[in-house]
PDB file of all heavy atoms in Angstrom:
ATOM      1  N   PRO A   1    -118.918 -10.859 -34.018  1.00  0.00           N
ATOM      2  CA  PRO A   1    -119.410 -12.184 -33.639  1.00  0.00           C
ATOM      3  C   PRO A   1    -120.920 -12.218 -33.721  1.00  0.00           C
ATOM      4  O   PRO A   1    -121.583 -11.193 -33.857  1.00  0.00           O
ATOM      5  CB  PRO A   1    -118.956 -12.367 -32.191  1.00  0.00           C
ATOM      6  CG  PRO A   1    -118.920 -10.978 -31.635  1.00  0.00           C
ATOM      7  CD  PRO A   1    -118.404 -10.137 -32.811  1.00  0.00           C
ATOM      8  N   PRO A   2    -121.544 -13.430 -33.679  1.00  0.00           N
ATOM      9  CA  PRO A   2    -123.073 -13.423 -33.740  1.00  0.00           C
ATOM     10  C   PRO A   2    -123.604 -12.756 -32.478  1.00  0.00           C
ATOM     11  O   PRO A   2    -123.011 -12.796 -31.383  1.00  0.00           O
ATOM     12  CB  PRO A   2    -123.332 -14.963 -33.686  1.00  0.00           C
ATOM     13  CG  PRO A   2    -122.036 -15.601 -34.196  1.00  0.00           C
ATOM     14  CD  PRO A   2    -120.950 -14.681 -33.718  1.00  0.00           C
ATOM     15  N   PRO A   3    -124.780 -12.145 -32.583  1.00  0.00           N
ATOM     16  CA  PRO A   3    -125.376 -11.435 -31.438  1.00  0.00           C
ATOM     17  C   PRO A   3    -125.598 -12.374 -30.244  1.00  0.00           C
ATOM     18  O   PRO A   3    -125.484 -11.957 -29.094  1.00  0.00           O
ATOM     19  CB  PRO A   3    -126.724 -10.917 -32.028  1.00  0.00           C
ATOM     20  CG  PRO A   3    -126.510 -10.848 -33.484  1.00  0.00           C
ATOM     21  CD  PRO A   3    -125.623 -12.016 -33.836  1.00  0.00           C
ATOM     22  N   GLU A   4    -125.925 -13.669 -30.465  1.00  0.00           N
ATOM     23  CA  GLU A   4    -126.198 -14.513 -29.312  1.00  0.00           C
ATOM     24  C   GLU A   4    -124.985 -14.900 -28.553  1.00  0.00           C
ATOM     25  O   GLU A   4    -125.098 -15.364 -27.365  1.00  0.00           O
ATOM     26  CB  GLU A   4    -126.900 -15.766 -29.837  1.00  0.00           C
ATOM     27  CG  GLU A   4    -126.078 -16.607 -30.832  1.00  0.00           C
ATOM     28  CD  GLU A   4    -126.343 -16.170 -32.285  1.00  0.00           C
ATOM     29  OE1 GLU A   4    -126.900 -15.125 -32.486  1.00  0.00           O
ATOM     30  OE2 GLU A   4    -125.982 -16.971 -33.166  1.00  0.00           O
ATOM     31  N   VAL A   5    -123.779 -14.716 -29.111  1.00  0.00           N
ATOM     32  CA  VAL A   5    -122.557 -15.058 -28.330  1.00  0.00           C
ATOM     33  C   VAL A   5    -121.717 -13.854 -27.996  1.00  0.00           C
ATOM     34  O   VAL A   5    -120.643 -14.016 -27.389  1.00  0.00           O
ATOM     35  CB  VAL A   5    -121.711 -16.084 -29.100  1.00  0.00           C
ATOM     36  CG1 VAL A   5    -122.488 -17.345 -29.363  1.00  0.00           C
ATOM     37  CG2 VAL A   5    -121.198 -15.511 -30.379  1.00  0.00           C
ATOM     38  N   GLU A   6    -122.214 -12.720 -28.404  1.00  0.00           N
ATOM     39  CA  GLU A   6    -121.390 -11.437 -28.224  1.00  0.00           C
ATOM     40  C   GLU A   6    -121.182 -11.147 -26.741  1.00  0.00           C
ATOM     41  O   GLU A   6    -120.090 -10.889 -26.335  1.00  0.00           O
ATOM     42  CB  GLU A   6    -122.029 -10.274 -28.919  1.00  0.00           C
ATOM     43  CG  GLU A   6    -121.211  -9.022 -28.917  1.00  0.00           C
ATOM     44  CD  GLU A   6    -121.750  -7.931 -29.744  1.00  0.00           C
ATOM     45  OE1 GLU A   6    -122.876  -8.092 -30.354  1.00  0.00           O
ATOM     46  OE2 GLU A   6    -121.143  -6.835 -29.855  1.00  0.00           O
ATOM     47  N   SER A   7    -122.216 -11.307 -25.937  1.00  0.00           N
ATOM     48  CA  SER A   7    -122.079 -10.996 -24.523  1.00  0.00           C
ATOM     49  C   SER A   7    -121.224 -12.000 -23.820  1.00  0.00           C
ATOM     50  O   SER A   7    -120.361 -11.711 -22.970  1.00  0.00           O
ATOM     51  CB  SER A   7    -123.485 -11.023 -23.816  1.00  0.00           C
ATOM     52  OG  SER A   7    -124.109 -12.259 -24.019  1.00  0.00           O
ATOM     53  N   ALA A   8    -121.325 -13.344 -24.220  1.00  0.00           N
ATOM     54  CA  ALA A   8    -120.538 -14.376 -23.609  1.00  0.00           C
ATOM     55  C   ALA A   8    -119.111 -14.170 -23.993  1.00  0.00           C
ATOM     56  O   ALA A   8    -118.131 -14.359 -23.188  1.00  0.00           O
ATOM     57  CB  ALA A   8    -120.957 -15.745 -24.064  1.00  0.00           C
ATOM     58  N   LEU A   9    -118.843 -13.736 -25.252  1.00  0.00           N
ATOM     59  CA  LEU A   9    -117.430 -13.476 -25.708  1.00  0.00           C
ATOM     60  C   LEU A   9    -116.820 -12.283 -24.955  1.00  0.00           C
ATOM     61  O   LEU A   9    -115.647 -12.332 -24.648  1.00  0.00           O
ATOM     62  CB  LEU A   9    -117.467 -13.275 -27.188  1.00  0.00           C
ATOM     63  CG  LEU A   9    -116.096 -13.065 -27.932  1.00  0.00           C
ATOM     64  CD1 LEU A   9    -115.256 -14.351 -27.669  1.00  0.00           C
ATOM     65  CD2 LEU A   9    -116.261 -12.748 -29.415  1.00  0.00           C
ATOM     66  N   ALA A  10    -117.650 -11.286 -24.699  1.00  0.00           N
ATOM     67  CA  ALA A  10    -117.137 -10.122 -24.003  1.00  0.00           C
ATOM     68  C   ALA A  10    -116.754 -10.546 -22.585  1.00  0.00           C
ATOM     69  O   ALA A  10    -115.765 -10.061 -22.076  1.00  0.00           O
ATOM     70  CB  ALA A  10    -118.160  -9.027 -24.001  1.00  0.00           C
ATOM     71  N   ALA A  11    -117.568 -11.406 -21.934  1.00  0.00           N
ATOM     72  CA  ALA A  11    -117.257 -11.829 -20.581  1.00  0.00           C
ATOM     73  C   ALA A  11    -115.947 -12.652 -20.543  1.00  0.00           C
ATOM     74  O   ALA A  11    -115.146 -12.487 -19.728  1.00  0.00           O
ATOM     75  CB  ALA A  11    -118.416 -12.648 -20.036  1.00  0.00           C
ATOM     76  N   ILE A  12    -115.791 -13.527 -21.545  1.00  0.00           N
ATOM     77  CA  ILE A  12    -114.556 -14.312 -21.664  1.00  0.00           C
ATOM     78  C   ILE A  12    -113.363 -13.444 -21.871  1.00  0.00           C
ATOM     79  O   ILE A  12    -112.262 -13.640 -21.270  1.00  0.00           O
ATOM     80  CB  ILE A  12    -114.681 -15.356 -22.753  1.00  0.00           C
ATOM     81  CG1 ILE A  12    -115.757 -16.408 -22.395  1.00  0.00           C
ATOM     82  CG2 ILE A  12    -113.381 -16.103 -22.944  1.00  0.00           C
ATOM     83  CD1 ILE A  12    -116.033 -17.394 -23.460  1.00  0.00           C
ATOM     84  N   ASN A  13    -113.540 -12.427 -22.734  1.00  0.00           N
ATOM     85  CA  ASN A  13    -112.364 -11.505 -22.935  1.00  0.00           C
ATOM     86  C   ASN A  13    -112.054 -10.751 -21.713  1.00  0.00           C
ATOM     87  O   ASN A  13    -110.817 -10.569 -21.423  1.00  0.00           O
ATOM     88  CB  ASN A  13    -112.767 -10.498 -24.074  1.00  0.00           C
ATOM     89  CG  ASN A  13    -112.853 -11.164 -25.427  1.00  0.00           C
ATOM     90  OD1 ASN A  13    -112.180 -12.144 -25.707  1.00  0.00           O
ATOM     91  ND2 ASN A  13    -113.629 -10.612 -26.362  1.00  0.00           N
ATOM     92  N   THR A  14    -113.054 -10.351 -20.947  1.00  0.00           N
ATOM     93  CA  THR A  14    -112.723  -9.584 -19.701  1.00  0.00           C
ATOM     94  C   THR A  14    -112.016 -10.464 -18.738  1.00  0.00           C
ATOM     95  O   THR A  14    -111.038 -10.102 -18.063  1.00  0.00           O
ATOM     96  CB  THR A  14    -114.121  -9.086 -19.068  1.00  0.00           C
ATOM     97  OG1 THR A  14    -114.722  -8.301 -19.961  1.00  0.00           O
ATOM     98  CG2 THR A  14    -113.779  -8.361 -17.802  1.00  0.00           C
ATOM     99  N   ALA A  15    -112.448 -11.727 -18.577  1.00  0.00           N
ATOM    100  CA  ALA A  15    -111.779 -12.645 -17.676  1.00  0.00           C
ATOM    101  C   ALA A  15    -110.384 -13.028 -18.194  1.00  0.00           C
ATOM    102  O   ALA A  15    -109.450 -13.043 -17.362  1.00  0.00           O
ATOM    103  CB  ALA A  15    -112.598 -14.001 -17.619  1.00  0.00           C
ATOM    104  N   HIS A  16    -110.219 -13.114 -19.438  1.00  0.00           N
ATOM    105  CA  HIS A  16    -108.798 -13.321 -20.007  1.00  0.00           C
ATOM    106  C   HIS A  16    -107.916 -12.119 -19.758  1.00  0.00           C
ATOM    107  O   HIS A  16    -106.743 -12.369 -19.382  1.00  0.00           O
ATOM    108  CB  HIS A  16    -108.926 -13.608 -21.489  1.00  0.00           C
ATOM    109  CG  HIS A  16    -107.628 -13.615 -22.177  1.00  0.00           C
ATOM    110  ND1 HIS A  16    -106.586 -14.539 -21.948  1.00  0.00           N
ATOM    111  CD2 HIS A  16    -107.062 -12.677 -23.100  1.00  0.00           C
ATOM    112  CE1 HIS A  16    -105.552 -14.304 -22.691  1.00  0.00           C
ATOM    113  NE2 HIS A  16    -105.818 -13.200 -23.372  1.00  0.00           N
ATOM    114  N   ASN A  17    -108.465 -10.966 -19.916  1.00  0.00           N
ATOM    115  CA  ASN A  17    -107.632  -9.790 -19.610  1.00  0.00           C
ATOM    116  C   ASN A  17    -107.248  -9.698 -18.123  1.00  0.00           C
ATOM    117  O   ASN A  17    -106.123  -9.319 -17.770  1.00  0.00           O
ATOM    118  CB  ASN A  17    -108.412  -8.543 -20.020  1.00  0.00           C
ATOM    119  CG  ASN A  17    -108.635  -8.367 -21.573  1.00  0.00           C
ATOM    120  OD1 ASN A  17    -107.807  -9.000 -22.265  1.00  0.00           O
ATOM    121  ND2 ASN A  17    -109.645  -7.715 -21.883  1.00  0.00           N
ATOM    122  N   GLN A  18    -108.196 -10.081 -17.248  1.00  0.00           N
ATOM    123  CA  GLN A  18    -107.899 -10.071 -15.830  1.00  0.00           C
ATOM    124  C   GLN A  18    -106.796 -11.132 -15.529  1.00  0.00           C
ATOM    125  O   GLN A  18    -105.898 -10.934 -14.743  1.00  0.00           O
ATOM    126  CB  GLN A  18    -109.097 -10.359 -15.050  1.00  0.00           C
ATOM    127  CG  GLN A  18    -108.919 -10.305 -13.498  1.00  0.00           C
ATOM    128  CD  GLN A  18    -108.478  -8.954 -13.043  1.00  0.00           C
ATOM    129  OE1 GLN A  18    -108.953  -7.919 -13.520  1.00  0.00           O
ATOM    130  NE2 GLN A  18    -107.564  -8.891 -12.073  1.00  0.00           N
ATOM    131  N   VAL A  19    -106.928 -12.343 -16.089  1.00  0.00           N
ATOM    132  CA  VAL A  19    -105.982 -13.383 -15.859  1.00  0.00           C
ATOM    133  C   VAL A  19    -104.603 -12.912 -16.422  1.00  0.00           C
ATOM    134  O   VAL A  19    -103.552 -13.141 -15.768  1.00  0.00           O
ATOM    135  CB  VAL A  19    -106.453 -14.680 -16.550  1.00  0.00           C
ATOM    136  CG1 VAL A  19    -105.252 -15.706 -16.465  1.00  0.00           C
ATOM    137  CG2 VAL A  19    -107.662 -15.218 -15.839  1.00  0.00           C
ATOM    138  N   SER A  20    -104.588 -12.366 -17.608  1.00  0.00           N
ATOM    139  CA  SER A  20    -103.359 -11.904 -18.187  1.00  0.00           C
ATOM    140  C   SER A  20    -102.693 -10.826 -17.311  1.00  0.00           C
ATOM    141  O   SER A  20    -101.419 -10.829 -17.135  1.00  0.00           O
ATOM    142  CB  SER A  20    -103.547 -11.355 -19.599  1.00  0.00           C
ATOM    143  OG  SER A  20    -104.064 -12.322 -20.453  1.00  0.00           O
ATOM    144  N   SER A  21    -103.553  -9.917 -16.783  1.00  0.00           N
ATOM    145  CA  SER A  21    -102.955  -8.936 -15.820  1.00  0.00           C
ATOM    146  C   SER A  21    -102.356  -9.547 -14.525  1.00  0.00           C
ATOM    147  O   SER A  21    -101.269  -9.149 -14.150  1.00  0.00           O
ATOM    148  CB  SER A  21    -104.074  -7.958 -15.448  1.00  0.00           C
ATOM    149  OG  SER A  21    -103.620  -6.975 -14.530  1.00  0.00           O
ATOM    150  N   ASP A  22    -103.072 -10.535 -14.015  1.00  0.00           N
ATOM    151  CA  ASP A  22    -102.519 -11.185 -12.806  1.00  0.00           C
ATOM    152  C   ASP A  22    -101.250 -11.971 -13.126  1.00  0.00           C
ATOM    153  O   ASP A  22    -100.303 -11.878 -12.305  1.00  0.00           O
ATOM    154  CB  ASP A  22    -103.622 -12.189 -12.256  1.00  0.00           C
ATOM    155  CG  ASP A  22    -104.832 -11.406 -11.752  1.00  0.00           C
ATOM    156  OD1 ASP A  22    -104.693 -10.271 -11.470  1.00  0.00           O
ATOM    157  OD2 ASP A  22    -105.878 -12.093 -11.625  1.00  0.00           O
ATOM    158  N   ILE A  23    -101.200 -12.587 -14.299  1.00  0.00           N
ATOM    159  CA  ILE A  23    -100.006 -13.303 -14.664  1.00  0.00           C
ATOM    160  C   ILE A  23     -98.813 -12.325 -14.870  1.00  0.00           C
ATOM    161  O   ILE A  23     -97.705 -12.557 -14.461  1.00  0.00           O
ATOM    162  CB  ILE A  23    -100.256 -14.083 -15.995  1.00  0.00           C
ATOM    163  CG1 ILE A  23    -101.229 -15.291 -15.672  1.00  0.00           C
ATOM    164  CG2 ILE A  23     -98.945 -14.675 -16.499  1.00  0.00           C
ATOM    165  CD1 ILE A  23    -101.601 -16.032 -16.929  1.00  0.00           C
ATOM    166  N   SER A  24     -99.135 -11.198 -15.474  1.00  0.00           N
ATOM    167  CA  SER A  24     -98.040 -10.162 -15.689  1.00  0.00           C
ATOM    168  C   SER A  24     -97.557  -9.629 -14.333  1.00  0.00           C
ATOM    169  O   SER A  24     -96.336  -9.459 -14.185  1.00  0.00           O
ATOM    170  CB  SER A  24     -98.589  -9.047 -16.553  1.00  0.00           C
ATOM    171  OG  SER A  24     -99.003  -9.496 -17.796  1.00  0.00           O
ATOM    172  N   LEU A  25     -98.486  -9.400 -13.413  1.00  0.00           N
ATOM    173  CA  LEU A  25     -98.045  -8.933 -12.062  1.00  0.00           C
ATOM    174  C   LEU A  25     -97.255  -9.959 -11.356  1.00  0.00           C
ATOM    175  O   LEU A  25     -96.210  -9.615 -10.710  1.00  0.00           O
ATOM    176  CB  LEU A  25     -99.239  -8.491 -11.210  1.00  0.00           C
ATOM    177  CG  LEU A  25    -100.095  -7.265 -11.691  1.00  0.00           C
ATOM    178  CD1 LEU A  25    -101.308  -7.126 -10.860  1.00  0.00           C
ATOM    179  CD2 LEU A  25     -99.180  -6.025 -11.626  1.00  0.00           C
ATOM    180  N   ALA A  26     -97.652 -11.199 -11.489  1.00  0.00           N
ATOM    181  CA  ALA A  26     -96.848 -12.292 -10.835  1.00  0.00           C
ATOM    182  C   ALA A  26     -95.494 -12.429 -11.422  1.00  0.00           C
ATOM    183  O   ALA A  26     -94.483 -12.622 -10.717  1.00  0.00           O
ATOM    184  CB  ALA A  26     -97.633 -13.539 -10.897  1.00  0.00           C
ATOM    185  N   GLN A  27     -95.437 -12.330 -12.803  1.00  0.00           N
ATOM    186  CA  GLN A  27     -94.153 -12.474 -13.461  1.00  0.00           C
ATOM    187  C   GLN A  27     -93.259 -11.264 -13.051  1.00  0.00           C
ATOM    188  O   GLN A  27     -92.020 -11.423 -12.825  1.00  0.00           O
ATOM    189  CB  GLN A  27     -94.338 -12.478 -14.985  1.00  0.00           C
ATOM    190  CG  GLN A  27     -94.913 -13.751 -15.431  1.00  0.00           C
ATOM    191  CD  GLN A  27     -95.145 -13.818 -16.958  1.00  0.00           C
ATOM    192  OE1 GLN A  27     -95.080 -12.768 -17.560  1.00  0.00           O
ATOM    193  NE2 GLN A  27     -95.294 -14.967 -17.516  1.00  0.00           N
ATOM    194  N   ALA A  28     -93.806 -10.081 -12.951  1.00  0.00           N
ATOM    195  CA  ALA A  28     -93.050  -8.891 -12.567  1.00  0.00           C
ATOM    196  C   ALA A  28     -92.518  -9.059 -11.146  1.00  0.00           C
ATOM    197  O   ALA A  28     -91.333  -8.730 -10.833  1.00  0.00           O
ATOM    198  CB  ALA A  28     -93.883  -7.660 -12.619  1.00  0.00           C
ATOM    199  N   GLY A  29     -93.366  -9.552 -10.187  1.00  0.00           N
ATOM    200  CA  GLY A  29     -92.910  -9.832  -8.805  1.00  0.00           C
ATOM    201  C   GLY A  29     -91.818 -10.770  -8.793  1.00  0.00           C
ATOM    202  O   GLY A  29     -90.836 -10.627  -8.014  1.00  0.00           O
ATOM    203  N   ALA A  30     -91.993 -11.876  -9.528  1.00  0.00           N
ATOM    204  CA  ALA A  30     -90.951 -12.950  -9.521  1.00  0.00           C
ATOM    205  C   ALA A  30     -89.584 -12.418 -10.099  1.00  0.00           C
ATOM    206  O   ALA A  30     -88.584 -12.651  -9.578  1.00  0.00           O
ATOM    207  CB  ALA A  30     -91.489 -14.154 -10.335  1.00  0.00           C
ATOM    208  N   ASP A  31     -89.713 -11.648 -11.159  1.00  0.00           N
ATOM    209  CA  ASP A  31     -88.524 -11.062 -11.794  1.00  0.00           C
ATOM    210  C   ASP A  31     -87.827 -10.149 -10.754  1.00  0.00           C
ATOM    211  O   ASP A  31     -86.549 -10.125 -10.692  1.00  0.00           O
ATOM    212  CB  ASP A  31     -88.863 -10.327 -13.036  1.00  0.00           C
ATOM    213  CG  ASP A  31     -89.344 -11.265 -14.184  1.00  0.00           C
ATOM    214  OD1 ASP A  31     -89.083 -12.446 -14.086  1.00  0.00           O
ATOM    215  OD2 ASP A  31     -90.032 -10.772 -15.119  1.00  0.00           O
ATOM    216  N   GLN A  32     -88.545  -9.323 -10.042  1.00  0.00           N
ATOM    217  CA  GLN A  32     -87.988  -8.425  -9.072  1.00  0.00           C
ATOM    218  C   GLN A  32     -87.273  -9.197  -7.916  1.00  0.00           C
ATOM    219  O   GLN A  32     -86.203  -8.797  -7.514  1.00  0.00           O
ATOM    220  CB  GLN A  32     -89.089  -7.523  -8.480  1.00  0.00           C
ATOM    221  CG  GLN A  32     -88.516  -6.478  -7.613  1.00  0.00           C
ATOM    222  CD  GLN A  32     -89.659  -5.548  -7.074  1.00  0.00           C
ATOM    223  OE1 GLN A  32     -90.818  -5.766  -7.339  1.00  0.00           O
ATOM    224  NE2 GLN A  32     -89.287  -4.488  -6.345  1.00  0.00           N
ATOM    225  N   ARG A  33     -87.880 -10.301  -7.462  1.00  0.00           N
ATOM    226  CA  ARG A  33     -87.277 -11.056  -6.450  1.00  0.00           C
ATOM    227  C   ARG A  33     -86.070 -11.775  -6.974  1.00  0.00           C
ATOM    228  O   ARG A  33     -84.989 -11.848  -6.218  1.00  0.00           O
ATOM    229  CB  ARG A  33     -88.217 -12.134  -5.901  1.00  0.00           C
ATOM    230  CG  ARG A  33     -89.324 -11.477  -5.042  1.00  0.00           C
ATOM    231  CD  ARG A  33     -90.122 -12.523  -4.326  1.00  0.00           C
ATOM    232  NE  ARG A  33     -90.872 -13.423  -5.208  1.00  0.00           N
ATOM    233  CZ  ARG A  33     -92.129 -13.129  -5.594  1.00  0.00           C
ATOM    234  NH1 ARG A  33     -92.738 -12.029  -5.179  1.00  0.00           N
ATOM    235  NH2 ARG A  33     -92.797 -13.952  -6.416  1.00  0.00           N
ATOM    236  N   VAL A  34     -86.028 -12.183  -8.194  1.00  0.00           N
ATOM    237  CA  VAL A  34     -84.842 -12.779  -8.785  1.00  0.00           C
ATOM    238  C   VAL A  34     -83.683 -11.744  -8.802  1.00  0.00           C
ATOM    239  O   VAL A  34     -82.480 -12.098  -8.526  1.00  0.00           O
ATOM    240  CB  VAL A  34     -85.175 -13.447 -10.106  1.00  0.00           C
ATOM    241  CG1 VAL A  34     -83.876 -13.778 -10.844  1.00  0.00           C
ATOM    242  CG2 VAL A  34     -86.079 -14.584  -9.985  1.00  0.00           C
ATOM    243  N   VAL A  35     -84.014 -10.574  -9.281  1.00  0.00           N
ATOM    244  CA  VAL A  35     -83.010  -9.510  -9.396  1.00  0.00           C
ATOM    245  C   VAL A  35     -82.404  -9.254  -8.002  1.00  0.00           C
ATOM    246  O   VAL A  35     -81.187  -9.047  -7.787  1.00  0.00           O
ATOM    247  CB  VAL A  35     -83.601  -8.316 -10.014  1.00  0.00           C
ATOM    248  CG1 VAL A  35     -82.585  -7.096  -9.966  1.00  0.00           C
ATOM    249  CG2 VAL A  35     -83.909  -8.558 -11.466  1.00  0.00           C
ATOM    250  N   GLN A  36     -83.312  -9.098  -6.977  1.00  0.00           N
ATOM    251  CA  GLN A  36     -82.806  -8.794  -5.653  1.00  0.00           C
ATOM    252  C   GLN A  36     -81.994  -9.872  -5.092  1.00  0.00           C
ATOM    253  O   GLN A  36     -80.986  -9.718  -4.449  1.00  0.00           O
ATOM    254  CB  GLN A  36     -84.089  -8.599  -4.725  1.00  0.00           C
ATOM    255  CG  GLN A  36     -84.825  -7.301  -5.013  1.00  0.00           C
ATOM    256  CD  GLN A  36     -86.132  -7.240  -4.175  1.00  0.00           C
ATOM    257  OE1 GLN A  36     -86.449  -8.127  -3.439  1.00  0.00           O
ATOM    258  NE2 GLN A  36     -86.725  -6.011  -4.216  1.00  0.00           N
ATOM    259  N   SER A  37     -82.308 -11.156  -5.357  1.00  0.00           N
ATOM    260  CA  SER A  37     -81.481 -12.293  -4.895  1.00  0.00           C
ATOM    261  C   SER A  37     -80.137 -12.230  -5.564  1.00  0.00           C
ATOM    262  O   SER A  37     -79.079 -12.531  -4.922  1.00  0.00           O
ATOM    263  CB  SER A  37     -82.183 -13.590  -5.229  1.00  0.00           C
ATOM    264  OG  SER A  37     -83.453 -13.701  -4.607  1.00  0.00           O
ATOM    265  N   ARG A  38     -80.118 -11.887  -6.871  1.00  0.00           N
ATOM    266  CA  ARG A  38     -78.777 -11.838  -7.589  1.00  0.00           C
ATOM    267  C   ARG A  38     -77.915 -10.747  -6.968  1.00  0.00           C
ATOM    268  O   ARG A  38     -76.704 -10.976  -6.784  1.00  0.00           O
ATOM    269  CB  ARG A  38     -79.059 -11.584  -9.062  1.00  0.00           C
ATOM    270  CG  ARG A  38     -79.611 -12.748  -9.825  1.00  0.00           C
ATOM    271  CD  ARG A  38     -79.897 -12.410 -11.253  1.00  0.00           C
ATOM    272  NE  ARG A  38     -80.476 -13.527 -11.940  1.00  0.00           N
ATOM    273  CZ  ARG A  38     -80.922 -13.495 -13.209  1.00  0.00           C
ATOM    274  NH1 ARG A  38     -80.835 -12.339 -13.909  1.00  0.00           N
ATOM    275  NH2 ARG A  38     -81.379 -14.542 -13.821  1.00  0.00           N
ATOM    276  N   ARG A  39     -78.564  -9.629  -6.662  1.00  0.00           N
ATOM    277  CA  ARG A  39     -77.776  -8.548  -6.075  1.00  0.00           C
ATOM    278  C   ARG A  39     -77.253  -8.930  -4.659  1.00  0.00           C
ATOM    279  O   ARG A  39     -76.074  -8.558  -4.342  1.00  0.00           O
ATOM    280  CB  ARG A  39     -78.654  -7.295  -5.990  1.00  0.00           C
ATOM    281  CG  ARG A  39     -78.896  -6.683  -7.304  1.00  0.00           C
ATOM    282  CD  ARG A  39     -79.805  -5.412  -7.190  1.00  0.00           C
ATOM    283  NE  ARG A  39     -79.971  -4.776  -8.534  1.00  0.00           N
ATOM    284  CZ  ARG A  39     -80.749  -3.731  -8.657  1.00  0.00           C
ATOM    285  NH1 ARG A  39     -81.317  -3.098  -7.608  1.00  0.00           N
ATOM    286  NH2 ARG A  39     -80.949  -3.182  -9.864  1.00  0.00           N
ATOM    287  N   ALA A  40     -78.064  -9.588  -3.879  1.00  0.00           N
ATOM    288  CA  ALA A  40     -77.609 -10.083  -2.547  1.00  0.00           C
ATOM    289  C   ALA A  40     -76.453 -11.014  -2.651  1.00  0.00           C
ATOM    290  O   ALA A  40     -75.467 -10.974  -1.874  1.00  0.00           O
ATOM    291  CB  ALA A  40     -78.770 -10.734  -1.793  1.00  0.00           C
ATOM    292  N   VAL A  41     -76.521 -11.944  -3.580  1.00  0.00           N
ATOM    293  CA  VAL A  41     -75.437 -12.868  -3.812  1.00  0.00           C
ATOM    294  C   VAL A  41     -74.186 -12.148  -4.214  1.00  0.00           C
ATOM    295  O   VAL A  41     -73.011 -12.417  -3.701  1.00  0.00           O
ATOM    296  CB  VAL A  41     -75.790 -13.930  -4.847  1.00  0.00           C
ATOM    297  CG1 VAL A  41     -74.620 -14.779  -5.249  1.00  0.00           C
ATOM    298  CG2 VAL A  41     -76.887 -14.813  -4.386  1.00  0.00           C
ATOM    299  N   GLU A  42     -74.305 -11.144  -5.080  1.00  0.00           N
ATOM    300  CA  GLU A  42     -73.172 -10.372  -5.492  1.00  0.00           C
ATOM    301  C   GLU A  42     -72.547  -9.602  -4.333  1.00  0.00           C
ATOM    302  O   GLU A  42     -71.263  -9.539  -4.191  1.00  0.00           O
ATOM    303  CB  GLU A  42     -73.498  -9.369  -6.598  1.00  0.00           C
ATOM    304  CG  GLU A  42     -73.876 -10.077  -7.913  1.00  0.00           C
ATOM    305  CD  GLU A  42     -74.434  -9.059  -8.960  1.00  0.00           C
ATOM    306  OE1 GLU A  42     -74.476  -7.879  -8.624  1.00  0.00           O
ATOM    307  OE2 GLU A  42     -74.695  -9.473 -10.118  1.00  0.00           O
TER     308      GLU A  42
END
């Protein structure tokens, strides 16, 4: 990227990675609760 936007792009990438990590953790927790609910019903 151009030098003047490289630092801003790196910050956006870092924020995006953090958001993606949080979304993945939330999805994993939700999937685990769904599996536990299914087992309780069974």
